[in-house]
Amino acid sequence: MPRALVTGGTGFLGGHLAGALERAGFDVRLLDVDPADGGDREVVRADVRDAEAMRRAAAGCDVVVDNAALVPVTRASAAEYRSVNVDGCRTTLDAAEAAGAYVLHISSSAIFGVPAQLPVAADSPLAPFEPYGQSKADAERLVHARRESGLVVGSLRPRTLLGEGRLGLFDVIFSRIRRGRRVPMFGRGLNRVQMCDVDDFCAAALAAIERRANADYNIGSAGFGTVREDLEGLIVRVGSRSRVQPVPVWAVRAVLQPLDAIGRSPFNEWHWHSAPAPFYFDISRAQEELGWKPRRTNVEALENAYRHYVRRSGASGVSAHRRPLRGVLARLLRG
């Protein structure tokens, strides 16, 4: 039986990737700094920056999924983002190379910042504007350098992921829809923003692993409208009395930026700069080279995540994407 190591394996995406790999016939080993959400799987409690621990964890593995990362809602410092997301990536690549394993790197759409041209292609220029995106862009540059030196590494860039267990910002949205309350939007919600169903993303990951893909791939949903259209589509599908409520962008920033400066906002620079802008991928390379096709549209992915949220209300985990947003403002927004 082939063996796969998934770093950041007890988080939201790591858990889904582990499940998909198991269903595909892999013996899965997880590595994370907090093993609390590992379930019955083998979990190595370690930091991806620990070179010796990574070498031991990767030994005997056919595939290493480089998934561990600090994400924007952790409100980490620029130095912390770089340490985990870049140095951790380097250590993971080293360990995988020593084990003779194929590497699948999990990147981020934040590497493109607020795109100047749409759709974003696989070879569009990297233009991050905040520390998280900058760290993930630097990790991609590291992947490119190692690929040029002979290491086989596939890299997947997901749009905003949705699925079972995803909370964070969506905890606010889903909570208000469940209660039939108005759902605030950044601006008028007329920007087209692609998301990504986590099951579709895992299917792309398996396709990349099967083919030992050695390139970069943008991964997103099968269809999407404007933010307003997709939220209203979700509200109709789940039978809620909610209505969307536009909030002027200037007003959102006037509140969030000062709160962020004193560490009291559940959101950061990535959210208030990117949320009002359109953002969608050209996913043709992934379709053509991986033989992959997404199944869910934005609305279908939102509905799937929402129905899991309702069935498991109150459930959470230690990972940033599995926790509700924290703080007074988050409680007020949740309603």
Protein backbone atom coordinates (compact mmCIF):
# COMPACT_ATOMS: atom_id res chain seq x y z
CA MET A 1 0.00 0.00 0.00
CA PRO A 2 1.44 3.42 -0.94
CA ARG A 3 2.01 5.84 1.92
CA ALA A 4 1.35 9.60 1.97
CA LEU A 5 2.37 12.24 4.50
CA VAL A 6 0.10 15.28 4.86
CA THR A 7 1.57 18.22 6.75
CA GLY A 8 -0.93 20.44 8.55
CA GLY A 9 -2.92 17.25 8.50
CA THR A 10 -5.32 17.95 11.37
CA GLY A 11 -6.61 21.22 9.88
CA PHE A 12 -9.63 21.81 7.68
CA LEU A 13 -8.01 21.11 4.32
CA GLY A 14 -5.52 18.59 5.73
CA GLY A 15 -8.35 16.46 7.09
CA HIS A 16 -10.16 16.45 3.76
CA LEU A 17 -6.98 15.63 1.85
CA ALA A 18 -6.23 12.77 4.25
CA GLY A 19 -9.70 11.32 3.74
CA ALA A 20 -9.43 11.56 -0.03
CA LEU A 21 -6.03 9.86 -0.01
CA GLU A 22 -7.32 7.05 2.20
CA ARG A 23 -10.25 6.46 -0.12
CA ALA A 24 -7.76 6.31 -3.00
CA GLY A 25 -5.87 3.48 -1.27
CA PHE A 26 -3.10 5.33 0.58
CA ASP A 27 -1.87 4.67 4.07
CA VAL A 28 -1.93 8.21 5.44
CA ARG A 29 0.34 9.76 8.05
CA LEU A 30 -0.40 13.24 9.38
CA LEU A 31 2.01 15.80 10.77
CA ASP A 32 0.85 18.80 12.77
CA VAL A 33 1.85 20.93 15.74
CA ASP A 34 -1.46 19.99 17.40
CA PRO A 35 -2.68 16.41 16.90
CA ALA A 36 -6.06 16.97 18.58
CA ASP A 37 -8.12 16.59 15.38
CA GLY A 38 -6.29 13.63 13.88
CA GLY A 39 -8.95 11.06 14.72
CA ASP A 40 -7.76 7.46 14.43
CA ARG A 41 -5.01 8.27 11.94
CA GLU A 42 -1.30 8.15 12.70
CA VAL A 43 -0.30 11.67 13.74
CA VAL A 44 3.24 12.92 14.16
CA ARG A 45 3.27 15.87 16.52
CA ALA A 46 5.95 18.11 15.05
CA ASP A 47 6.64 21.47 13.44
CA VAL A 48 7.35 21.54 9.70
CA ARG A 49 10.38 23.72 10.43
CA ASP A 50 11.98 20.85 12.40
CA ALA A 51 14.23 19.27 9.75
CA GLU A 52 14.94 16.04 11.65
CA ALA A 53 11.28 15.48 12.54
CA MET A 54 10.30 16.07 8.93
CA ARG A 55 12.89 13.59 7.65
CA ARG A 56 11.58 10.93 10.05
CA ALA A 57 7.97 11.61 9.13
CA ALA A 58 8.63 11.51 5.37
CA ALA A 59 10.73 8.33 5.50
CA GLY A 60 9.01 5.52 3.64
CA CYS A 61 6.44 7.82 2.03
CA ASP A 62 5.67 7.81 -1.68
CA VAL A 63 3.90 11.19 -1.57
CA VAL A 64 4.33 14.26 0.63
CA VAL A 65 1.57 16.86 0.63
CA ASP A 66 3.04 20.22 1.66
CA ASN A 67 -0.11 21.65 3.20
CA ALA A 68 0.97 23.20 6.54
CA ALA A 69 0.64 26.99 6.64
CA LEU A 70 -0.30 29.95 8.77
CA VAL A 71 -3.40 31.53 7.20
CA PRO A 72 -4.69 35.14 7.33
CA VAL A 73 -7.18 34.65 10.17
CA THR A 74 -4.31 33.66 12.49
CA ARG A 75 -3.22 37.33 12.48
CA ALA A 76 0.42 36.24 12.50
CA SER A 77 3.31 38.64 11.99
CA ALA A 78 5.18 38.90 8.70
CA ALA A 79 8.12 37.08 10.28
CA GLU A 80 5.87 34.26 11.51
CA TYR A 81 4.23 33.85 8.09
CA ARG A 82 7.63 33.65 6.46
CA SER A 83 9.02 31.25 9.04
CA VAL A 84 6.21 28.71 8.70
CA ASN A 85 5.11 29.19 5.10
CA VAL A 86 8.54 29.57 3.48
CA ASP A 87 11.04 27.92 5.81
CA GLY A 88 8.56 25.13 6.53
CA CYS A 89 8.09 24.59 2.81
CA ARG A 90 11.86 24.36 2.33
CA THR A 91 12.21 21.79 5.11
CA THR A 92 9.32 19.77 3.69
CA LEU A 93 10.83 19.74 0.21
CA ASP A 94 14.17 18.63 1.65
CA ALA A 95 12.54 15.78 3.58
CA ALA A 96 10.52 14.64 0.56
CA GLU A 97 13.60 14.67 -1.65
CA ALA A 98 15.53 12.61 0.89
CA ALA A 99 12.67 10.08 0.93
CA GLY A 100 12.41 9.99 -2.86
CA ALA A 101 8.77 11.09 -2.59
CA TYR A 102 6.59 13.04 -4.97
CA VAL A 103 5.58 16.43 -3.57
CA LEU A 104 2.24 18.21 -3.91
CA HIS A 105 2.53 21.80 -2.70
CA ILE A 106 -0.64 23.57 -1.55
CA SER A 107 -0.36 27.20 -2.55
CA SER A 108 -2.93 30.04 -2.36
CA SER A 109 -4.74 32.47 -4.63
CA ALA A 110 -3.39 35.25 -2.36
CA ILE A 111 -0.13 35.05 -4.34
CA PHE A 112 -1.90 37.06 -7.07
CA GLY A 113 -3.04 39.87 -4.75
CA VAL A 114 -5.90 41.83 -6.35
CA PRO A 115 -5.48 40.78 -10.00
CA ALA A 116 -5.11 43.46 -12.67
CA GLN A 117 -6.39 41.10 -15.39
CA LEU A 118 -9.05 38.39 -15.26
CA PRO A 119 -9.33 35.49 -15.44
CA VAL A 120 -6.10 34.73 -13.57
CA ALA A 121 -4.06 32.25 -15.60
CA ALA A 122 -1.62 29.69 -14.26
CA ASP A 123 1.25 31.89 -15.46
CA SER A 124 -0.16 35.25 -14.36
CA PRO A 125 2.37 37.40 -12.47
CA LEU A 126 2.55 37.04 -8.70
CA ALA A 127 1.53 40.31 -7.02
CA PRO A 128 0.79 39.77 -3.30
CA PHE A 129 0.12 42.89 -1.25
CA GLU A 130 0.12 41.61 2.34
CA PRO A 131 2.38 39.37 4.48
CA TYR A 132 0.47 36.11 4.10
CA GLY A 133 0.31 36.36 0.31
CA GLN A 134 3.94 37.42 0.16
CA SER A 135 4.99 34.36 2.17
CA LYS A 136 2.99 32.01 -0.06
CA ALA A 137 4.42 33.66 -3.18
CA ASP A 138 7.93 33.17 -1.82
CA ALA A 139 7.11 29.53 -1.12
CA GLU A 140 5.99 29.14 -4.75
CA ARG A 141 9.25 30.69 -5.95
CA LEU A 142 11.07 28.15 -3.80
CA VAL A 143 9.01 25.36 -5.38
CA HIS A 144 9.89 26.67 -8.86
CA ALA A 145 13.60 26.71 -8.01
CA ARG A 146 13.52 23.16 -6.68
CA ARG A 147 11.56 22.01 -9.71
CA GLU A 148 14.24 23.47 -11.98
CA SER A 149 16.88 21.56 -10.03
CA GLY A 150 15.11 18.27 -10.70
CA LEU A 151 12.58 17.74 -7.87
CA VAL A 152 9.12 16.78 -9.14
CA VAL A 153 6.61 19.11 -7.45
CA GLY A 154 3.03 19.90 -8.37
CA SER A 155 1.48 23.08 -7.00
CA LEU A 156 -2.25 23.74 -6.58
CA ARG A 157 -3.67 27.23 -5.98
CA PRO A 158 -7.21 27.00 -4.56
CA ARG A 159 -9.74 29.79 -4.52
CA THR A 160 -11.57 30.24 -1.19
CA LEU A 161 -12.34 26.73 0.02
CA LEU A 162 -15.78 25.61 1.19
CA GLY A 163 -16.86 22.33 2.72
CA GLU A 164 -17.66 20.34 5.81
CA GLY A 165 -16.06 21.87 8.88
CA ARG A 166 -15.22 25.25 7.33
CA LEU A 167 -16.00 28.10 9.73
CA GLY A 168 -13.94 31.29 10.03
CA LEU A 169 -15.68 34.05 8.07
CA PHE A 170 -18.38 31.64 6.89
CA ASP A 171 -19.47 31.09 10.48
CA VAL A 172 -20.73 34.70 10.45
CA ILE A 173 -22.51 34.31 7.11
CA PHE A 174 -24.07 30.93 7.91
CA SER A 175 -25.11 31.99 11.41
CA ARG A 176 -27.04 34.99 10.07
CA ILE A 177 -28.68 32.98 7.29
CA ARG A 178 -29.75 30.32 9.78
CA ARG A 179 -31.40 33.00 11.92
CA GLY A 180 -33.02 34.74 8.98
CA ARG A 181 -31.07 37.96 9.53
CA ARG A 182 -29.56 40.36 7.04
CA VAL A 183 -26.22 39.28 5.62
CA PRO A 184 -23.76 42.18 5.25
CA MET A 185 -21.65 42.44 2.10
CA PHE A 186 -18.55 44.49 1.33
CA GLY A 187 -19.97 47.07 -1.08
CA ARG A 188 -22.84 46.22 -3.41
CA GLY A 189 -21.67 42.67 -4.04
CA LEU A 190 -21.54 43.10 -7.82
CA ASN A 191 -18.02 41.68 -8.09
CA ARG A 192 -17.68 38.16 -9.50
CA VAL A 193 -15.72 35.99 -7.07
CA GLN A 194 -14.97 32.32 -7.68
CA MET A 195 -14.78 29.93 -4.74
CA CYS A 196 -13.81 26.25 -4.56
CA ASP A 197 -15.51 23.20 -3.12
CA VAL A 198 -13.08 21.23 -0.97
CA ASP A 199 -14.16 17.90 -2.49
CA ASP A 200 -13.42 19.29 -5.95
CA PHE A 201 -10.04 20.49 -4.71
CA CYS A 202 -9.22 17.06 -3.27
CA ALA A 203 -10.15 15.48 -6.61
CA ALA A 204 -7.64 17.81 -8.29
CA ALA A 205 -5.02 16.86 -5.70
CA LEU A 206 -5.52 13.15 -6.37
CA ALA A 207 -5.31 13.74 -10.12
CA ALA A 208 -2.04 15.64 -9.69
CA ILE A 209 -0.60 12.90 -7.49
CA GLU A 210 -1.66 10.13 -9.88
CA ARG A 211 -0.01 11.90 -12.82
CA ARG A 212 3.00 13.13 -10.82
CA ALA A 213 2.18 16.59 -12.17
CA ASN A 214 5.14 18.94 -12.27
CA ALA A 215 3.54 22.34 -12.83
CA ASP A 216 1.26 24.99 -11.25
CA TYR A 217 -2.52 24.70 -11.41
CA ASN A 218 -5.34 27.11 -10.56
CA ILE A 219 -8.29 25.33 -8.95
CA GLY A 220 -11.80 26.79 -8.64
CA SER A 221 -15.52 26.12 -8.87
CA ALA A 222 -17.52 25.00 -11.88
CA GLY A 223 -19.53 28.22 -12.06
CA PHE A 224 -20.04 31.48 -10.21
CA GLY A 225 -21.91 34.76 -10.33
CA THR A 226 -21.51 37.96 -8.40
CA VAL A 227 -21.14 37.81 -4.63
CA ARG A 228 -24.71 39.06 -4.32
CA GLU A 229 -26.08 36.49 -6.76
CA ASP A 230 -24.32 33.60 -5.04
CA LEU A 231 -25.39 34.62 -1.54
CA GLU A 232 -28.97 35.15 -2.68
CA GLY A 233 -28.84 31.77 -4.42
CA LEU A 234 -27.77 30.14 -1.15
CA ILE A 235 -30.52 31.91 0.80
CA VAL A 236 -33.17 30.68 -1.65
CA ARG A 237 -31.85 27.10 -1.67
CA VAL A 238 -31.92 26.75 2.13
CA GLY A 239 -35.27 28.53 2.57
CA SER A 240 -34.00 31.34 4.78
CA ARG A 241 -35.75 34.69 5.33
CA SER A 242 -32.41 36.48 5.15
CA ARG A 243 -31.63 39.29 2.76
CA VAL A 244 -28.26 40.61 1.71
CA GLN A 245 -27.29 44.03 3.05
CA PRO A 246 -24.74 46.09 1.11
CA VAL A 247 -22.32 48.04 3.31
CA PRO A 248 -20.21 50.80 1.71
CA VAL A 249 -16.59 49.74 1.33
CA TRP A 250 -15.37 53.00 2.88
CA ALA A 251 -17.48 52.31 5.98
CA VAL A 252 -16.15 48.75 6.33
CA ARG A 253 -12.57 49.93 6.09
CA ALA A 254 -13.18 52.84 8.45
CA VAL A 255 -14.23 50.34 11.13
CA LEU A 256 -11.91 47.43 10.43
CA GLN A 257 -8.60 49.16 9.85
CA PRO A 258 -8.43 50.90 13.25
CA LEU A 259 -9.60 47.70 15.00
CA ASP A 260 -6.96 45.71 13.15
CA ALA A 261 -4.29 48.19 14.22
CA ILE A 262 -5.04 47.44 17.88
CA GLY A 263 -5.52 43.70 17.34
CA ARG A 264 -9.29 43.67 17.87
CA SER A 265 -10.56 42.85 14.39
CA PRO A 266 -11.37 39.28 13.25
CA PHE A 267 -10.41 40.43 9.75
CA ASN A 268 -7.19 41.82 8.32
CA GLU A 269 -5.75 43.58 5.30
CA TRP A 270 -6.35 40.62 2.99
CA HIS A 271 -10.08 40.65 3.71
CA TRP A 272 -10.89 44.33 3.31
CA HIS A 273 -8.74 44.88 0.24
CA SER A 274 -9.64 41.72 -1.66
CA ALA A 275 -13.32 41.29 -0.73
CA PRO A 276 -14.75 44.12 -2.91
CA ALA A 277 -12.70 43.10 -5.99
CA PRO A 278 -13.56 40.52 -8.67
CA PHE A 279 -11.38 37.41 -8.65
CA TYR A 280 -11.69 34.28 -10.75
CA PHE A 281 -9.37 31.73 -12.29
CA ASP A 282 -8.73 30.25 -15.67
CA ILE A 283 -8.75 26.56 -14.69
CA SER A 284 -8.13 25.18 -18.18
CA ARG A 285 -4.59 23.91 -17.49
CA ALA A 286 -5.85 21.75 -14.61
CA GLN A 287 -8.69 20.44 -16.77
CA GLU A 288 -6.46 19.64 -19.73
CA GLU A 289 -3.35 18.30 -17.99
CA LEU A 290 -4.91 16.63 -14.95
CA GLY A 291 -8.10 15.38 -16.55
CA TRP A 292 -9.95 17.10 -13.71
CA LYS A 293 -13.32 18.83 -13.76
CA PRO A 294 -15.02 20.59 -10.81
CA ARG A 295 -18.50 19.34 -9.98
CA ARG A 296 -19.91 22.12 -7.80
CA THR A 297 -20.70 25.74 -8.56
CA ASN A 298 -20.25 28.46 -5.95
CA VAL A 299 -23.88 28.18 -4.86
CA GLU A 300 -23.74 24.39 -4.65
CA ALA A 301 -20.52 24.55 -2.64
CA LEU A 302 -22.02 27.16 -0.31
CA GLU A 303 -25.14 25.06 0.19
CA ASN A 304 -23.11 21.93 0.93
CA ALA A 305 -20.98 23.77 3.50
CA TYR A 306 -24.04 25.44 5.04
CA ARG A 307 -25.95 22.18 5.50
CA HIS A 308 -22.93 20.61 7.20
CA TYR A 309 -22.74 23.71 9.39
CA VAL A 310 -26.38 23.34 10.47
CA ARG A 311 -26.02 19.62 11.19
CA ARG A 312 -22.87 20.15 13.26
CA SER A 313 -23.61 23.54 14.81
CA GLY A 314 -21.24 24.23 17.68
CA ALA A 315 -18.58 21.84 16.44
CA SER A 316 -15.13 23.29 15.89
CA GLY A 317 -11.48 22.36 15.99
CA VAL A 318 -8.07 23.70 16.73
CA SER A 319 -7.27 24.81 13.17
CA ALA A 320 -7.94 28.42 12.16
CA HIS A 321 -10.46 27.50 9.44
CA ARG A 322 -12.39 25.18 11.73
CA ARG A 323 -12.90 27.76 14.48
CA PRO A 324 -15.56 30.47 14.64
CA LEU A 325 -14.16 33.98 14.40
CA ARG A 326 -13.30 35.37 17.82
CA GLY A 327 -13.80 38.72 19.51
CA VAL A 328 -16.55 41.21 20.27
CA LEU A 329 -16.99 42.32 16.64
CA ALA A 330 -17.30 38.71 15.48
CA ARG A 331 -20.00 38.06 18.10
CA LEU A 332 -21.91 41.15 16.98
CA LEU A 333 -21.67 40.21 13.33
CA ARG A 334 -22.73 36.64 14.02
CA GLY A 335 -26.03 37.95 15.38
